[in-house]
Protein backbone atom coordinates (compact mmCIF):
# COMPACT_ATOMS: atom_id res chain seq x y z
CA MET A 1 -30.43 178.67 -51.56
CA LEU A 2 -33.69 176.48 -50.59
CA LYS A 3 -32.39 173.37 -51.74
CA ALA A 4 -29.49 174.25 -48.92
CA LEU A 5 -31.75 175.20 -46.44
CA GLY A 6 -33.78 171.73 -46.57
CA ALA A 7 -30.38 169.84 -46.33
CA LEU A 8 -29.20 172.10 -43.38
CA SER A 9 -32.89 171.45 -41.60
CA VAL A 10 -32.83 167.41 -42.09
CA GLY A 11 -29.48 167.61 -40.46
CA ALA A 12 -30.57 169.49 -37.56
CA ALA A 13 -33.56 166.90 -37.03
CA THR A 14 -31.00 163.88 -36.83
CA PRO A 15 -29.04 163.43 -33.77
CA ALA A 16 -25.23 162.74 -33.67
CA VAL A 17 -24.54 159.28 -32.70
CA SER A 18 -21.32 158.31 -31.50
CA LYS A 19 -19.96 154.55 -32.41
CA ALA A 20 -20.87 153.46 -28.86
CA GLU A 21 -24.76 154.63 -29.08
CA VAL A 22 -27.79 152.87 -30.51
CA LEU A 23 -30.81 154.47 -31.65
CA VAL A 24 -34.01 152.55 -29.99
CA GLN A 25 -37.85 153.21 -29.81
CA ALA A 26 -38.62 155.40 -27.03
CA PHE A 27 -41.35 153.25 -25.52
CA GLU A 28 -42.61 149.86 -27.06
CA THR A 29 -45.39 147.69 -25.38
CA ARG A 30 -43.98 143.84 -24.98
CA GLU A 31 -46.10 140.98 -25.64
CA LYS A 32 -45.44 137.83 -23.86
CA SER A 33 -47.06 134.22 -22.98
CA ILE A 34 -45.84 132.59 -19.95
CA GLU A 35 -47.16 129.17 -18.72
CA CYS A 36 -46.97 127.94 -14.88
CA ASP A 37 -48.52 125.61 -12.37
CA ILE A 38 -49.31 128.43 -10.06
CA LEU A 39 -49.90 131.84 -10.24
CA VAL A 40 -50.06 134.27 -6.95
CA ILE A 41 -51.43 137.77 -7.65
CA GLY A 42 -50.19 140.05 -4.87
CA GLY A 43 -46.84 139.96 -3.27
CA GLY A 44 -47.90 141.10 0.04
CA THR A 45 -48.20 139.29 3.66
CA ALA A 46 -50.06 136.24 2.55
CA GLY A 47 -48.81 136.28 -1.22
CA THR A 48 -45.16 135.98 -0.47
CA VAL A 49 -45.38 132.84 1.54
CA ALA A 50 -47.68 131.23 -0.68
CA ALA A 51 -45.59 131.76 -3.55
CA ILE A 52 -42.56 130.76 -1.56
CA GLN A 53 -44.31 127.63 -0.49
CA ALA A 54 -45.62 126.69 -4.16
CA ALA A 55 -41.99 127.26 -5.67
CA ARG A 56 -40.47 124.81 -2.66
CA ALA A 57 -43.46 122.08 -2.87
CA GLY A 58 -42.11 121.86 -6.70
CA SER A 59 -44.44 123.79 -8.71
CA LYS A 60 -43.71 126.32 -11.43
CA THR A 61 -44.49 129.59 -9.81
CA VAL A 62 -45.51 132.93 -11.02
CA LEU A 63 -45.58 135.87 -8.50
CA VAL A 64 -47.45 139.06 -9.74
CA GLU A 65 -47.18 142.47 -7.45
CA PHE A 66 -48.28 145.92 -8.84
CA GLY A 67 -45.72 147.60 -6.43
CA SER A 68 -41.83 147.74 -6.08
CA GLN A 69 -41.45 145.14 -3.25
CA LEU A 70 -42.43 142.00 -1.34
CA GLY A 71 -44.16 142.31 2.24
CA GLY A 72 -47.27 144.63 2.06
CA THR A 73 -48.40 145.43 5.22
CA THR A 74 -45.23 144.54 6.96
CA THR A 75 -42.92 146.76 4.73
CA THR A 76 -44.93 149.07 2.31
CA GLY A 77 -47.42 149.63 4.98
CA GLY A 78 -44.97 149.89 7.68
CA VAL A 79 -46.46 147.32 10.29
CA SER A 80 -43.41 145.64 11.00
CA PHE A 81 -44.25 143.95 14.39
CA PRO A 82 -46.13 140.84 12.89
CA GLY A 83 -48.25 138.76 15.24
CA ILE A 84 -49.52 137.06 16.96
CA PHE A 85 -47.77 133.52 16.72
CA HIS A 86 -48.16 132.42 20.39
CA ALA A 87 -51.37 131.60 22.40
CA TRP A 88 -51.42 130.78 25.73
CA GLY A 89 -47.52 129.65 26.19
CA LYS A 90 -47.20 127.73 23.02
CA GLN A 91 -46.77 128.41 19.62
CA VAL A 92 -49.76 128.03 17.19
CA ILE A 93 -48.38 129.32 13.77
CA GLY A 94 -45.28 128.48 12.24
CA GLY A 95 -44.13 127.48 8.99
CA ILE A 96 -42.70 130.08 5.90
CA GLY A 97 -44.23 133.01 7.66
CA TRP A 98 -42.52 132.35 10.95
CA GLU A 99 -38.97 131.50 9.41
CA LEU A 100 -38.92 134.78 7.75
CA VAL A 101 -39.72 136.66 10.99
CA ARG A 102 -37.35 134.51 12.92
CA GLU A 103 -33.91 135.07 10.53
CA CYS A 104 -35.15 138.75 10.46
CA VAL A 105 -34.97 138.91 14.22
CA ALA A 106 -31.53 136.95 14.62
CA MET A 107 -29.88 138.92 11.07
CA ASN A 108 -30.67 142.44 13.10
CA ASP A 109 -29.26 141.18 16.36
CA ASP A 110 -32.84 141.50 17.74
CA GLN A 111 -34.64 139.15 20.51
CA LEU A 112 -37.77 137.81 20.35
CA PRO A 113 -40.43 138.63 23.30
CA ASP A 114 -40.58 135.65 25.79
CA PHE A 115 -43.94 134.12 25.01
CA SER A 116 -44.44 132.26 27.99
CA ILE A 117 -45.20 135.60 29.98
CA PRO A 118 -49.04 135.99 29.45
CA HIS A 119 -49.82 139.43 27.29
CA GLY A 120 -52.83 140.03 29.52
CA ARG A 121 -54.97 143.02 28.26
CA SER A 122 -52.03 144.11 26.21
CA HIS A 123 -51.47 141.91 22.84
CA PRO A 124 -48.56 143.88 21.43
CA LYS A 125 -46.27 142.49 24.16
CA HIS A 126 -46.48 139.25 21.75
CA GLN A 127 -45.95 141.00 18.47
CA VAL A 128 -42.57 141.11 17.05
CA TRP A 129 -40.72 144.14 15.98
CA ILE A 130 -38.67 143.28 13.12
CA ASN A 131 -36.50 145.67 10.78
CA GLY A 132 -39.07 145.96 7.64
CA PRO A 133 -36.41 147.10 4.66
CA LEU A 134 -34.61 143.79 5.70
CA TYR A 135 -37.93 141.47 5.63
CA THR A 136 -38.24 142.75 2.24
CA LEU A 137 -34.63 141.74 1.10
CA LEU A 138 -35.15 138.19 2.91
CA ALA A 139 -38.49 137.49 1.36
CA GLU A 140 -37.22 138.09 -2.07
CA ASP A 141 -34.11 136.29 -1.42
CA LYS A 142 -36.31 133.22 -0.33
CA CYS A 143 -38.57 133.43 -3.63
CA LEU A 144 -35.88 134.01 -5.95
CA GLU A 145 -33.83 130.81 -4.01
CA ALA A 146 -37.17 128.75 -4.26
CA GLY A 147 -37.44 129.60 -8.24
CA VAL A 148 -40.21 132.01 -7.99
CA GLU A 149 -40.77 134.26 -11.16
CA LEU A 150 -41.20 137.99 -9.64
CA ARG A 151 -42.79 140.13 -11.80
CA PHE A 152 -43.10 143.67 -10.24
CA TYR A 153 -44.96 146.96 -11.65
CA GLU A 154 -47.85 144.55 -12.87
CA THR A 155 -51.37 144.26 -12.38
CA PRO A 156 -54.14 142.01 -13.87
CA TYR A 157 -56.49 143.54 -16.25
CA LYS A 158 -58.63 140.45 -17.71
CA ILE A 159 -59.16 136.97 -16.05
CA GLU A 160 -60.79 134.32 -18.03
CA PHE A 161 -61.06 130.40 -16.96
CA LYS A 162 -60.67 128.24 -20.34
CA LYS A 163 -60.07 124.28 -20.47
CA GLY A 164 -59.90 123.79 -17.20
CA LYS A 165 -57.03 126.43 -16.83
CA TRP A 166 -56.83 130.13 -15.73
CA VAL A 167 -55.67 132.55 -18.60
CA VAL A 168 -54.62 136.01 -16.77
CA GLU A 169 -53.41 139.54 -18.49
CA THR A 170 -51.93 141.68 -17.01
CA VAL A 171 -50.24 145.22 -18.02
CA GLY A 172 -47.33 147.12 -16.52
CA LYS A 173 -44.51 149.27 -17.74
CA GLY A 174 -43.97 148.67 -21.27
CA THR A 175 -45.59 144.78 -20.94
CA HIS A 176 -48.88 143.03 -21.92
CA THR A 177 -48.26 139.49 -20.38
CA GLN A 178 -50.72 136.46 -20.94
CA ILE A 179 -49.98 133.79 -17.87
CA THR A 180 -51.88 130.53 -18.29
CA CYS A 181 -51.91 128.51 -14.78
CA ASP A 182 -53.48 125.49 -13.57
CA GLN A 183 -54.14 126.96 -10.02
CA LEU A 184 -54.78 130.98 -9.15
CA ILE A 185 -54.41 132.39 -6.07
CA ASP A 186 -55.75 135.83 -5.26
CA CYS A 187 -53.67 137.59 -2.53
CA THR A 188 -54.26 140.79 -3.47
CA GLY A 189 -56.14 141.81 0.11
CA ASN A 190 -59.09 143.04 -1.57
CA ALA A 191 -60.55 140.12 -3.69
CA LEU A 192 -59.53 141.53 -6.99
CA VAL A 193 -58.80 138.49 -8.78
CA THR A 194 -62.08 136.73 -7.38
CA SER A 195 -64.19 139.97 -8.46
CA MET A 196 -62.42 140.03 -11.87
CA ALA A 197 -63.25 136.26 -12.51
CA GLY A 198 -66.87 136.97 -12.02
CA PHE A 199 -67.58 135.66 -8.49
CA ASN A 200 -69.17 137.40 -5.47
CA VAL A 201 -67.41 139.64 -3.26
CA LEU A 202 -69.00 141.01 -0.04
CA ARG A 203 -68.12 144.63 1.55
CA GLU A 204 -69.81 146.61 4.61
CA ALA A 205 -71.27 149.88 3.83
CA GLU A 206 -69.27 151.70 5.95
CA THR A 207 -65.51 150.09 6.14
CA GLN A 208 -62.78 150.73 8.87
CA PRO A 209 -60.14 153.48 8.63
CA GLY A 210 -56.85 152.98 7.30
CA THR A 211 -53.61 154.50 9.04
CA LEU A 212 -50.52 156.16 7.47
CA LEU A 213 -47.73 155.39 9.52
CA PHE A 214 -44.96 158.08 10.26
CA THR A 215 -42.11 158.93 12.40
CA LEU A 216 -41.57 162.37 14.44
CA GLU A 217 -38.66 163.83 16.11
CA GLY A 218 -37.33 167.39 17.28
CA TYR A 219 -38.64 167.46 20.82
CA ASP A 220 -38.07 166.29 24.00
CA LYS A 221 -41.18 164.42 25.61
CA SER A 222 -39.85 164.53 29.14
CA ARG A 223 -40.19 168.46 29.06
CA LEU A 224 -43.79 168.69 27.26
CA ASP A 225 -46.43 169.51 29.62
CA MET A 226 -48.94 167.15 28.11
CA ASP A 227 -51.89 168.25 29.82
CA HIS A 228 -51.44 171.90 28.23
CA LEU A 229 -50.84 170.51 24.91
CA GLU A 230 -54.20 168.35 24.97
CA GLN A 231 -55.92 171.54 25.99
CA LEU A 232 -54.47 173.52 23.14
CA TYR A 233 -55.58 170.68 20.71
CA THR A 234 -59.13 170.58 21.84
CA GLU A 235 -59.46 174.19 21.31
CA GLU A 236 -58.09 173.82 17.73
CA LEU A 237 -61.00 171.13 17.61
CA LYS A 238 -63.16 173.39 18.85
CA LYS A 239 -62.61 175.87 16.34
CA GLY A 240 -63.04 173.31 13.48
CA GLU A 241 -59.10 173.46 12.71
CA MET A 242 -58.48 170.11 13.43
CA VAL A 243 -60.67 166.88 13.16
CA ARG A 244 -60.43 164.42 16.10
CA GLU A 245 -60.78 161.15 14.33
CA GLU A 246 -57.65 162.10 12.26
CA PHE A 247 -55.48 162.23 15.30
CA LEU A 248 -57.20 160.94 18.84
CA SER A 249 -54.76 162.28 21.01
CA ILE A 250 -51.82 164.60 21.00
CA ARG A 251 -50.34 162.62 23.75
CA GLY A 252 -50.45 159.70 21.94
CA VAL A 253 -49.07 160.99 18.97
CA LEU A 254 -46.05 162.83 20.74
CA ASN A 255 -45.40 160.06 23.33
CA SER A 256 -44.80 157.39 20.29
CA ASN A 257 -43.02 159.80 18.08
CA GLY A 258 -45.56 159.70 15.80
CA TYR A 259 -45.28 155.78 14.90
CA THR A 260 -49.04 155.24 16.52
CA PHE A 261 -52.48 154.07 15.47
CA SER A 262 -53.95 157.02 16.74
CA GLY A 263 -54.40 158.59 13.72
CA HIS A 264 -57.27 157.43 11.00
CA VAL A 265 -58.01 157.68 7.26
CA PHE A 266 -61.50 157.52 6.69
CA GLY A 267 -62.79 156.07 3.84
CA ALA A 268 -59.15 154.47 3.25
CA ASP A 269 -59.73 152.21 0.25
CA SER A 270 -57.09 150.75 -2.22
CA THR A 271 -59.45 148.71 -4.87
CA THR A 272 -58.99 150.80 -7.63
CA SER A 273 -55.92 153.44 -8.62
CA GLU A 274 -58.20 156.30 -8.06
CA ALA A 275 -59.61 155.36 -4.74
CA HIS A 276 -55.71 154.50 -3.79
CA THR A 277 -54.59 157.73 -4.68
CA ALA A 278 -57.40 159.47 -2.72
CA THR A 279 -56.29 157.61 -0.04
CA ASN A 280 -52.62 158.42 0.16
CA ILE A 281 -53.23 162.01 -0.33
CA ASN A 282 -55.77 162.13 2.19
CA GLY A 283 -53.45 160.51 4.71
CA ARG A 284 -50.46 162.83 3.81
CA ARG A 285 -52.34 166.04 3.85
CA ALA A 286 -53.69 165.30 7.33
CA LEU A 287 -50.06 164.49 8.55
CA LEU A 288 -49.00 167.70 7.05
CA LYS A 289 -51.58 169.71 8.89
CA MET A 290 -51.02 168.17 12.18
CA LEU A 291 -47.26 168.75 11.70
CA ARG A 292 -47.85 172.37 11.07
CA PHE A 293 -49.87 172.47 14.12
CA LEU A 294 -47.48 170.81 16.41
CA ARG A 295 -45.01 173.55 15.35
CA THR A 296 -46.74 176.01 17.15
CA LEU A 297 -46.89 174.15 20.50
CA PRO A 298 -44.71 175.48 23.19
CA GLY A 299 -41.43 172.61 23.23
CA CYS A 300 -42.49 171.35 19.85
CA GLU A 301 -41.53 174.31 17.71
CA HIS A 302 -38.74 172.05 16.03
CA THR A 303 -40.92 169.07 15.23
CA ARG A 304 -40.08 167.19 12.35
CA VAL A 305 -40.94 164.17 10.21
CA VAL A 306 -38.13 161.86 9.56
CA LYS A 307 -39.75 158.79 8.15
CA VAL A 308 -43.30 158.31 6.39
CA GLN A 309 -44.56 155.11 4.50
CA THR A 310 -45.32 155.18 0.93
CA GLU A 311 -48.88 154.23 1.51
CA THR A 312 -51.69 154.37 3.79
CA GLY A 313 -52.52 150.90 5.49
CA VAL A 314 -56.10 149.85 4.43
CA ARG A 315 -57.89 147.29 7.02
CA GLU A 316 -61.18 146.58 5.15
CA THR A 317 -62.32 146.43 1.64
CA TYR A 318 -64.00 143.29 0.01
CA ARG A 319 -64.24 139.79 0.99
CA ILE A 320 -65.10 136.69 -0.92
CA ASP A 321 -68.22 134.89 -0.83
CA GLY A 322 -66.71 131.64 0.28
CA LEU A 323 -68.00 128.00 0.65
CA HIS A 324 -67.89 128.80 4.32
CA GLN A 325 -68.21 132.28 6.22
CA VAL A 326 -66.24 132.20 9.42
CA THR A 327 -68.24 134.13 11.79
CA GLN A 328 -67.12 135.99 14.83
CA SER A 329 -69.08 133.42 17.10
CA GLU A 330 -66.88 130.73 15.64
CA TYR A 331 -63.95 132.84 15.94
CA VAL A 332 -64.42 133.96 19.80
CA ASN A 333 -65.46 130.10 20.50
CA GLY A 334 -62.29 128.69 19.18
CA LYS A 335 -64.15 126.33 16.79
CA VAL A 336 -62.32 123.61 15.12
CA PHE A 337 -63.43 123.27 11.78
CA GLU A 338 -63.09 119.68 9.96
CA ASP A 339 -60.93 121.28 7.33
CA ALA A 340 -58.99 123.47 9.32
CA ILE A 341 -55.68 124.33 7.74
CA SER A 342 -54.77 127.00 10.01
CA TYR A 343 -54.69 128.52 13.76
CA ALA A 344 -55.52 132.10 14.15
CA TYR A 345 -55.13 133.95 17.43
CA TYR A 346 -55.80 137.97 17.74
CA PRO A 347 -58.36 139.89 19.60
CA ILE A 348 -61.43 141.17 17.75
CA ASP A 349 -60.04 144.53 16.55
CA ILE A 350 -62.65 146.67 14.73
CA HIS A 351 -61.39 150.48 14.50
CA ASP A 352 -63.78 152.99 14.26
CA LYS A 353 -64.06 157.00 15.11
CA THR A 354 -63.39 156.46 18.65
CA GLY A 355 -60.37 154.43 18.04
CA VAL A 356 -59.82 150.67 18.89
CA HIS A 357 -61.36 148.94 22.02
CA PRO A 358 -59.82 145.19 21.47
CA GLU A 359 -62.28 142.39 22.37
CA TYR A 360 -59.99 139.62 23.99
CA LEU A 361 -60.29 135.75 23.10
CA ALA A 362 -61.14 133.82 26.67
CA GLU A 363 -58.51 132.25 28.14
CA ASN A 364 -56.97 129.06 26.10
CA VAL A 365 -59.40 129.57 23.27
CA VAL A 366 -57.61 129.74 20.00
CA ALA A 367 -59.38 130.11 16.80
CA THR A 368 -58.99 127.92 13.60
CA ILE A 369 -59.45 128.80 9.80
CA PRO A 370 -61.27 126.52 7.36
CA LEU A 371 -59.99 125.86 3.79
CA ARG A 372 -63.76 126.31 2.50
CA ALA A 373 -62.97 129.97 3.67
CA LEU A 374 -60.35 130.39 1.15
CA ILE A 375 -62.18 129.26 -2.04
CA PRO A 376 -65.24 131.41 -3.56
CA ARG A 377 -68.20 129.88 -4.30
CA GLY A 378 -68.77 128.27 -7.25
CA SER A 379 -65.05 128.60 -8.56
CA LYS A 380 -62.79 126.00 -9.69
CA ASN A 381 -58.78 126.09 -9.55
CA LEU A 382 -59.22 129.31 -7.37
CA LEU A 383 -58.14 130.17 -3.82
CA VAL A 384 -57.67 133.23 -1.88
CA ALA A 385 -55.35 134.10 1.11
CA GLY A 386 -55.51 136.95 3.34
CA ARG A 387 -57.78 139.48 4.81
CA CYS A 388 -60.11 138.95 1.98
CA LEU A 389 -61.04 135.32 3.12
CA SER A 390 -64.95 134.54 3.89
CA SER A 391 -65.52 135.80 7.06
CA ASP A 392 -67.86 138.09 9.00
CA ARG A 393 -66.75 141.69 9.98
CA GLY A 394 -66.01 140.87 13.23
CA ALA A 395 -63.77 137.34 12.43
CA ASN A 396 -62.47 139.44 9.93
CA SER A 397 -60.81 142.23 11.96
CA ALA A 398 -59.12 139.53 13.81
CA LEU A 399 -58.17 137.26 10.94
CA ARG A 400 -56.68 139.91 8.58
CA VAL A 401 -53.45 140.60 10.83
CA GLN A 402 -49.94 138.99 9.54
CA ALA A 403 -49.34 135.69 11.39
CA PRO A 404 -52.97 134.22 10.64
CA CYS A 405 -52.64 135.72 6.69
CA MET A 406 -49.10 133.86 6.61
CA GLY A 407 -50.76 130.87 7.67
CA MET A 408 -53.38 130.98 5.11
CA GLY A 409 -51.12 132.01 2.58
CA GLN A 410 -48.86 128.80 3.11
CA ALA A 411 -51.94 126.35 3.04
CA ALA A 412 -53.46 128.14 0.07
CA ALA A 413 -50.32 127.37 -1.61
CA VAL A 414 -50.06 123.57 -0.45
CA ALA A 415 -53.64 123.18 -1.49
CA ALA A 416 -52.68 124.90 -5.16
CA VAL A 417 -49.81 122.57 -5.50
CA LEU A 418 -51.82 119.49 -4.88
CA ALA A 419 -54.52 120.05 -6.94
CA SER A 420 -52.31 121.23 -9.64
CA ARG A 421 -50.60 117.78 -9.46
CA SER A 422 -53.85 115.66 -9.27
CA GLY A 423 -55.56 117.67 -11.92
CA LYS A 424 -58.28 118.59 -9.54
CA SER A 425 -60.11 121.89 -7.86
CA PRO A 426 -58.32 122.79 -4.23
CA GLU A 427 -61.83 121.51 -2.74
CA GLU A 428 -61.53 118.16 -4.07
CA VAL A 429 -58.07 117.36 -2.50
CA PRO A 430 -58.19 115.16 0.76
CA MET A 431 -57.31 117.16 3.88
CA GLN A 432 -54.96 114.78 5.44
CA ASP A 433 -52.79 115.25 2.13
CA ILE A 434 -52.92 118.87 2.59
CA ARG A 435 -52.01 118.65 6.39
CA GLN A 436 -49.26 116.48 5.63
CA LEU A 437 -47.34 118.39 2.99
CA LEU A 438 -48.03 121.55 5.19
CA GLU A 439 -46.21 119.79 8.16
CA GLU A 440 -43.51 118.63 5.81
CA HIS A 441 -42.65 122.53 5.67
CA GLY A 442 -43.05 123.22 8.91
CA ALA A 443 -46.50 124.52 9.43
CA ILE A 444 -48.99 123.88 12.43
CA VAL A 445 -51.78 122.48 11.51
CA PRO A 446 -54.92 122.10 13.78
CA PHE A 447 -56.47 118.46 14.80
């Protein structure tokens, strides 16, 4: 009887397998080694353009992105109105970023703004509204077409410089990959790679708040008594039930159907998984609290959320300590650096508890970005592109937006490609060679 019970228990523990099924291990970490010319970490605004440029220039390129799609601020963050590409009646930023934006507009049967009309004190008039999901598709397709190896759901956890090459170990879902490259480009937005590689990064004691973008419906704006609703909101603020800094104006939220920057998430930080988790939770909890309040207001009883971005957009974290720090004075005075690799045009744009109050550039002033601001001090074969460039807080508030980040991404890739070809570090590559290759790929280069 005991023998029979033993046989029965063994049979019960063994799953029945049909001829078409194969038993496999449920989880296994796969070890892999890759060699490439250029490794770009971060597939956001700057990183996407950098990877496409490097691959189009003939370099074997790998792009590592911890999320599920390309585009960063434009797609995951929901700021699907990149800018600004034109200043004072002429285009100042072009190249691969502009190519993506232009094709996105055409494929969605949209129209570009009339850039010949000055935007005055309303710079959003020159931002280009695009279809975010379409941008994602086009960006990925251009990467693949150029030959970029895309590695989603991976993040670096160890970075070393060995025998003139960078060795980066990444982890992801069931993967542990060692990537050896000639040149490394940090497009993480928060200087993660630079910091992991052992170089100094800088940060303000109090950073700018983030924003979670969303869309509302279920009410008729033309029938709402906005003054009365603002009064009710003020009463809730006095009782401590709502927080003004989270949503500065009920009028602003309702007039834009929620798709607005009137809401802020303070302490927004994406530098670690824990900080990023807290940032997203805080943004979503504030939105839920606002939604519940809106549904108590006359005329808003059926307000509902139809779209919420998957992540809270983060404006400011760490910046590198570069060979040159771009200052607000240099930016607003339009200094043309001897190693300028891209123009930049956007008002000084610092968000705080009172909202945002743009400081516009004087007429005909256009800023530039030096290559030195993309190179961490003391580094070799390492560049950054995007909002973590070397700059003070004022300059960074303008340089962090999409068009300048696209310009930086393309320029960083060109410098990296030429450095890889010649066995040099990017700061050793002749500027005329960098500018020539940028122009061959459609970029607009300052002289």
